[in-house]
Amino acid sequence: MSAETQVATAPAPTDVVTSFRSFVAAHGGSAKAVLQPIGRAGVRVTVVAADGTLGDRVVADLPTAHAVVEALSDVTVSDWDREVTSIATPQQGHWKKMAGWVANQTRFPKARNER
């Protein structure tokens, strides 16, 4: 079996597809997905919905990430380009969730949308 065949036949996890489908439906009906490899952990699929809300899930590998996006008719693959970053609006507390232990430190300034 060639590498190209393996890429084309990667299964999309139904729980990830279902969660993205309901997320996109609740936030404008369309979205852009940015696929970001994060090492051994897999690939982070960040979805920027039409209203700017961010959602993300981690899948095993890049072929699986592409299979997830292909399973969603209203989501297209994109990069962190001007169009995507201009509509992305993190929700309150998003920076704290992403910062982990650093979020509880007092030396670091708060995010711009948290002041």
N, C-alpha and C. Protein backbone atom coordinates (compact mmCIF):
# COMPACT_ATOMS: atom_id res chain seq x y z
N MET A 1 0.85 -1.18 0.00
CA MET A 1 0.00 0.00 0.00
C MET A 1 0.89 1.23 0.00
N SER A 2 0.67 2.16 -0.89
CA SER A 2 1.51 3.36 -0.98
C SER A 2 1.09 4.41 0.04
N ALA A 3 1.95 5.39 0.25
CA ALA A 3 1.66 6.47 1.20
C ALA A 3 0.45 7.28 0.73
N GLU A 4 0.31 7.46 -0.58
CA GLU A 4 -0.83 8.22 -1.10
C GLU A 4 -2.15 7.53 -0.80
N THR A 5 -2.17 6.20 -0.90
CA THR A 5 -3.39 5.45 -0.60
C THR A 5 -3.73 5.55 0.88
N GLN A 6 -2.70 5.52 1.73
CA GLN A 6 -2.94 5.63 3.16
C GLN A 6 -3.50 7.00 3.52
N VAL A 7 -3.02 8.05 2.88
CA VAL A 7 -3.53 9.39 3.15
C VAL A 7 -5.00 9.49 2.77
N ALA A 8 -5.36 8.91 1.63
CA ALA A 8 -6.73 9.02 1.14
C ALA A 8 -7.72 8.22 1.98
N THR A 9 -7.24 7.18 2.69
CA THR A 9 -8.16 6.32 3.40
C THR A 9 -8.16 6.53 4.92
N ALA A 10 -7.56 7.60 5.40
CA ALA A 10 -7.54 7.86 6.85
C ALA A 10 -8.97 8.11 7.33
N PRO A 11 -9.40 7.39 8.37
CA PRO A 11 -10.76 7.58 8.87
C PRO A 11 -10.89 8.84 9.72
N ALA A 12 -12.01 9.48 9.63
CA ALA A 12 -12.29 10.66 10.45
C ALA A 12 -13.00 10.21 11.72
N PRO A 13 -12.46 10.54 12.90
CA PRO A 13 -13.12 10.16 14.15
C PRO A 13 -14.51 10.78 14.24
N THR A 14 -15.52 9.97 14.48
CA THR A 14 -16.89 10.47 14.48
C THR A 14 -17.15 11.47 15.60
N ASP A 15 -16.50 11.31 16.76
CA ASP A 15 -16.73 12.26 17.85
C ASP A 15 -16.19 13.64 17.50
N VAL A 16 -15.05 13.70 16.80
CA VAL A 16 -14.48 14.99 16.40
C VAL A 16 -15.36 15.64 15.33
N VAL A 17 -15.78 14.86 14.34
CA VAL A 17 -16.64 15.38 13.28
C VAL A 17 -17.96 15.88 13.86
N THR A 18 -18.56 15.14 14.76
CA THR A 18 -19.83 15.53 15.37
C THR A 18 -19.68 16.82 16.18
N SER A 19 -18.60 16.92 16.95
CA SER A 19 -18.42 18.13 17.76
C SER A 19 -18.18 19.36 16.89
N PHE A 20 -17.38 19.20 15.82
CA PHE A 20 -17.16 20.33 14.92
C PHE A 20 -18.44 20.71 14.17
N ARG A 21 -19.21 19.71 13.77
CA ARG A 21 -20.46 19.98 13.05
C ARG A 21 -21.42 20.81 13.90
N SER A 22 -21.58 20.45 15.17
CA SER A 22 -22.48 21.22 16.04
C SER A 22 -21.88 22.59 16.38
N PHE A 23 -20.56 22.67 16.53
CA PHE A 23 -19.90 23.95 16.81
C PHE A 23 -20.12 24.93 15.65
N VAL A 24 -19.89 24.47 14.43
CA VAL A 24 -20.04 25.33 13.25
C VAL A 24 -21.50 25.75 13.08
N ALA A 25 -22.44 24.85 13.31
CA ALA A 25 -23.86 25.18 13.20
C ALA A 25 -24.26 26.24 14.21
N ALA A 26 -23.68 26.20 15.40
CA ALA A 26 -24.02 27.16 16.45
C ALA A 26 -23.35 28.51 16.25
N HIS A 27 -22.34 28.59 15.39
CA HIS A 27 -21.57 29.83 15.24
C HIS A 27 -21.51 30.33 13.80
N GLY A 28 -22.58 30.30 13.09
CA GLY A 28 -22.63 30.95 11.79
C GLY A 28 -22.75 30.06 10.58
N GLY A 29 -22.59 28.74 10.72
CA GLY A 29 -22.83 27.84 9.61
C GLY A 29 -21.66 27.56 8.70
N SER A 30 -20.55 28.29 8.80
CA SER A 30 -19.37 28.00 8.00
C SER A 30 -18.13 28.32 8.82
N ALA A 31 -17.00 27.78 8.38
CA ALA A 31 -15.77 27.99 9.15
C ALA A 31 -14.55 27.69 8.30
N LYS A 32 -13.41 28.12 8.82
CA LYS A 32 -12.11 27.82 8.24
C LYS A 32 -11.35 26.98 9.26
N ALA A 33 -10.67 25.95 8.80
CA ALA A 33 -9.89 25.08 9.69
C ALA A 33 -8.40 25.29 9.42
N VAL A 34 -7.64 25.48 10.49
CA VAL A 34 -6.19 25.59 10.39
C VAL A 34 -5.59 24.33 11.01
N LEU A 35 -4.81 23.61 10.23
CA LEU A 35 -4.20 22.36 10.69
C LEU A 35 -2.78 22.64 11.15
N GLN A 36 -2.50 22.31 12.43
CA GLN A 36 -1.21 22.64 13.02
C GLN A 36 -0.58 21.42 13.66
N PRO A 37 0.44 20.82 13.04
CA PRO A 37 1.13 19.69 13.67
C PRO A 37 1.77 20.13 14.99
N ILE A 38 1.58 19.32 16.04
CA ILE A 38 2.12 19.67 17.35
C ILE A 38 3.01 18.55 17.90
N GLY A 39 3.74 17.90 17.02
CA GLY A 39 4.67 16.87 17.44
C GLY A 39 4.01 15.53 17.68
N ARG A 40 4.50 14.81 18.68
CA ARG A 40 3.99 13.47 18.96
C ARG A 40 2.53 13.46 19.38
N ALA A 41 2.05 14.57 19.89
CA ALA A 41 0.65 14.64 20.33
C ALA A 41 -0.32 14.54 19.16
N GLY A 42 0.12 14.91 17.96
CA GLY A 42 -0.75 14.82 16.80
C GLY A 42 -0.85 16.13 16.04
N VAL A 43 -2.06 16.44 15.61
CA VAL A 43 -2.33 17.65 14.85
C VAL A 43 -3.48 18.38 15.50
N ARG A 44 -3.28 19.66 15.78
CA ARG A 44 -4.34 20.49 16.35
C ARG A 44 -5.15 21.07 15.19
N VAL A 45 -6.44 20.82 15.20
CA VAL A 45 -7.35 21.36 14.19
C VAL A 45 -8.09 22.51 14.85
N THR A 46 -7.73 23.73 14.47
CA THR A 46 -8.38 24.92 15.02
C THR A 46 -9.40 25.40 14.00
N VAL A 47 -10.64 25.55 14.44
CA VAL A 47 -11.72 26.00 13.57
C VAL A 47 -12.09 27.43 13.96
N VAL A 48 -12.07 28.31 12.98
CA VAL A 48 -12.51 29.69 13.19
C VAL A 48 -13.86 29.82 12.50
N ALA A 49 -14.92 29.93 13.30
CA ALA A 49 -16.28 29.98 12.76
C ALA A 49 -16.55 31.34 12.11
N ALA A 50 -17.65 31.42 11.40
CA ALA A 50 -18.01 32.64 10.68
C ALA A 50 -18.16 33.85 11.62
N ASP A 51 -18.56 33.61 12.87
CA ASP A 51 -18.70 34.72 13.81
C ASP A 51 -17.41 35.01 14.57
N GLY A 52 -16.32 34.29 14.24
CA GLY A 52 -15.02 34.55 14.85
C GLY A 52 -14.68 33.69 16.04
N THR A 53 -15.60 32.89 16.52
CA THR A 53 -15.35 32.03 17.67
C THR A 53 -14.38 30.92 17.30
N LEU A 54 -13.45 30.62 18.22
CA LEU A 54 -12.45 29.58 17.99
C LEU A 54 -12.86 28.28 18.68
N GLY A 55 -12.60 27.19 18.00
CA GLY A 55 -12.78 25.87 18.58
C GLY A 55 -11.64 24.99 18.11
N ASP A 56 -11.21 24.04 18.92
CA ASP A 56 -10.12 23.19 18.48
C ASP A 56 -10.22 21.79 19.07
N ARG A 57 -9.64 20.86 18.35
CA ARG A 57 -9.53 19.46 18.77
C ARG A 57 -8.18 18.96 18.28
N VAL A 58 -7.68 17.92 18.91
CA VAL A 58 -6.42 17.30 18.51
C VAL A 58 -6.72 15.91 17.97
N VAL A 59 -6.16 15.61 16.80
CA VAL A 59 -6.31 14.29 16.20
C VAL A 59 -4.93 13.66 16.05
N ALA A 60 -4.90 12.39 15.70
CA ALA A 60 -3.65 11.61 15.70
C ALA A 60 -2.60 12.09 14.71
N ASP A 61 -3.02 12.42 13.48
CA ASP A 61 -2.04 12.76 12.45
C ASP A 61 -2.67 13.64 11.37
N LEU A 62 -1.83 14.08 10.42
CA LEU A 62 -2.29 14.98 9.37
C LEU A 62 -3.33 14.34 8.44
N PRO A 63 -3.18 13.08 8.02
CA PRO A 63 -4.23 12.48 7.20
C PRO A 63 -5.59 12.44 7.91
N THR A 64 -5.58 12.19 9.21
CA THR A 64 -6.83 12.19 9.97
C THR A 64 -7.42 13.58 10.03
N ALA A 65 -6.58 14.59 10.18
CA ALA A 65 -7.05 15.98 10.21
C ALA A 65 -7.71 16.35 8.89
N HIS A 66 -7.09 15.96 7.78
CA HIS A 66 -7.68 16.23 6.47
C HIS A 66 -9.00 15.48 6.30
N ALA A 67 -9.07 14.26 6.81
CA ALA A 67 -10.31 13.49 6.73
C ALA A 67 -11.44 14.15 7.52
N VAL A 68 -11.10 14.74 8.67
CA VAL A 68 -12.11 15.46 9.47
C VAL A 68 -12.66 16.64 8.68
N VAL A 69 -11.77 17.43 8.08
CA VAL A 69 -12.22 18.60 7.33
C VAL A 69 -13.04 18.18 6.11
N GLU A 70 -12.63 17.11 5.43
CA GLU A 70 -13.38 16.63 4.27
C GLU A 70 -14.77 16.13 4.65
N ALA A 71 -14.93 15.65 5.88
CA ALA A 71 -16.23 15.17 6.34
C ALA A 71 -17.20 16.32 6.66
N LEU A 72 -16.69 17.53 6.73
CA LEU A 72 -17.51 18.70 7.04
C LEU A 72 -17.67 19.55 5.78
N SER A 73 -18.86 19.58 5.24
CA SER A 73 -19.08 20.27 3.97
C SER A 73 -18.95 21.79 4.08
N ASP A 74 -19.14 22.35 5.26
CA ASP A 74 -19.12 23.80 5.42
C ASP A 74 -17.82 24.31 6.04
N VAL A 75 -16.77 23.49 6.04
CA VAL A 75 -15.47 23.87 6.59
C VAL A 75 -14.40 23.69 5.52
N THR A 76 -13.53 24.70 5.36
CA THR A 76 -12.44 24.62 4.40
C THR A 76 -11.11 24.79 5.13
N VAL A 77 -10.06 24.20 4.57
CA VAL A 77 -8.73 24.31 5.14
C VAL A 77 -8.15 25.68 4.80
N SER A 78 -7.51 26.29 5.76
CA SER A 78 -6.91 27.61 5.56
C SER A 78 -5.60 27.68 6.34
N ASP A 79 -4.94 28.81 6.25
CA ASP A 79 -3.76 29.11 7.05
C ASP A 79 -4.10 30.28 7.96
N TRP A 80 -3.17 30.61 8.85
CA TRP A 80 -3.36 31.80 9.68
C TRP A 80 -3.02 33.02 8.83
N ASP A 81 -3.87 33.30 7.87
CA ASP A 81 -3.65 34.45 6.99
C ASP A 81 -4.47 35.64 7.49
N ARG A 82 -4.41 36.72 6.76
CA ARG A 82 -5.08 37.95 7.17
C ARG A 82 -6.59 37.77 7.31
N GLU A 83 -7.20 37.04 6.39
CA GLU A 83 -8.64 36.83 6.43
C GLU A 83 -9.08 36.10 7.70
N VAL A 84 -8.35 35.06 8.07
CA VAL A 84 -8.71 34.26 9.23
C VAL A 84 -8.41 35.01 10.53
N THR A 85 -7.23 35.60 10.62
CA THR A 85 -6.87 36.29 11.86
C THR A 85 -7.71 37.54 12.10
N SER A 86 -8.22 38.15 11.06
CA SER A 86 -9.03 39.36 11.25
C SER A 86 -10.41 39.05 11.82
N ILE A 87 -10.92 37.83 11.63
CA ILE A 87 -12.23 37.50 12.20
C ILE A 87 -12.14 36.72 13.50
N ALA A 88 -10.95 36.15 13.79
CA ALA A 88 -10.79 35.34 15.00
C ALA A 88 -10.95 36.20 16.25
N THR A 89 -11.88 35.80 17.12
CA THR A 89 -12.15 36.52 18.36
C THR A 89 -12.17 35.53 19.51
N PRO A 90 -11.05 35.41 20.23
CA PRO A 90 -11.03 34.48 21.36
C PRO A 90 -12.05 34.88 22.42
N GLN A 91 -12.68 33.89 23.03
CA GLN A 91 -13.65 34.16 24.08
C GLN A 91 -12.94 34.52 25.37
N GLN A 92 -13.67 35.12 26.31
CA GLN A 92 -13.10 35.46 27.61
C GLN A 92 -12.53 34.19 28.24
N GLY A 93 -11.35 34.27 28.77
CA GLY A 93 -10.73 33.15 29.44
C GLY A 93 -9.99 32.20 28.52
N HIS A 94 -10.08 32.39 27.19
CA HIS A 94 -9.41 31.49 26.26
C HIS A 94 -7.90 31.51 26.46
N TRP A 95 -7.34 32.69 26.67
CA TRP A 95 -5.90 32.81 26.86
C TRP A 95 -5.46 32.03 28.10
N LYS A 96 -6.28 32.03 29.15
CA LYS A 96 -5.93 31.33 30.38
C LYS A 96 -5.94 29.82 30.17
N LYS A 97 -6.91 29.34 29.40
CA LYS A 97 -6.98 27.92 29.10
C LYS A 97 -5.75 27.48 28.30
N MET A 98 -5.33 28.29 27.36
CA MET A 98 -4.21 27.94 26.51
C MET A 98 -2.86 28.16 27.20
N ALA A 99 -2.79 29.03 28.20
CA ALA A 99 -1.53 29.35 28.86
C ALA A 99 -1.12 28.32 29.90
N GLY A 100 -2.06 27.54 30.41
CA GLY A 100 -1.74 26.52 31.41
C GLY A 100 -1.25 27.14 32.70
N TRP A 101 -0.14 26.64 33.23
CA TRP A 101 0.37 27.10 34.53
C TRP A 101 0.78 28.57 34.50
N VAL A 102 1.15 29.09 33.33
CA VAL A 102 1.59 30.48 33.24
C VAL A 102 0.43 31.43 33.55
N ALA A 103 -0.80 31.01 33.32
CA ALA A 103 -1.96 31.88 33.53
C ALA A 103 -2.13 32.29 34.99
N ASN A 104 -1.64 31.49 35.92
CA ASN A 104 -1.79 31.82 37.33
C ASN A 104 -0.63 32.64 37.88
N GLN A 105 0.32 33.02 37.05
CA GLN A 105 1.45 33.82 37.49
C GLN A 105 1.05 35.29 37.55
N THR A 106 1.61 36.02 38.48
CA THR A 106 1.28 37.44 38.63
C THR A 106 2.23 38.34 37.87
N ARG A 107 3.35 37.83 37.40
CA ARG A 107 4.33 38.66 36.70
C ARG A 107 3.94 38.97 35.27
N PHE A 108 3.11 38.15 34.67
CA PHE A 108 2.78 38.32 33.27
C PHE A 108 1.54 39.21 33.11
N PRO A 109 1.51 40.07 32.10
CA PRO A 109 0.32 40.92 31.90
C PRO A 109 -0.87 40.12 31.41
N LYS A 110 -2.05 40.67 31.64
CA LYS A 110 -3.28 40.02 31.15
C LYS A 110 -3.39 40.23 29.64
N ALA A 111 -4.18 39.38 29.02
CA ALA A 111 -4.43 39.51 27.58
C ALA A 111 -5.20 40.81 27.33
N ARG A 112 -5.07 41.32 26.10
CA ARG A 112 -5.72 42.60 25.77
C ARG A 112 -7.22 42.58 25.98
N ASN A 113 -7.86 41.45 25.68
CA ASN A 113 -9.32 41.41 25.81
C ASN A 113 -9.76 41.04 27.22
N GLU A 114 -8.84 40.90 28.18
CA GLU A 114 -9.18 40.56 29.55
C GLU A 114 -8.99 41.73 30.52
N ARG A 115 -8.52 42.87 30.04
CA ARG A 115 -8.24 44.01 30.92
C ARG A 115 -9.49 44.74 31.31
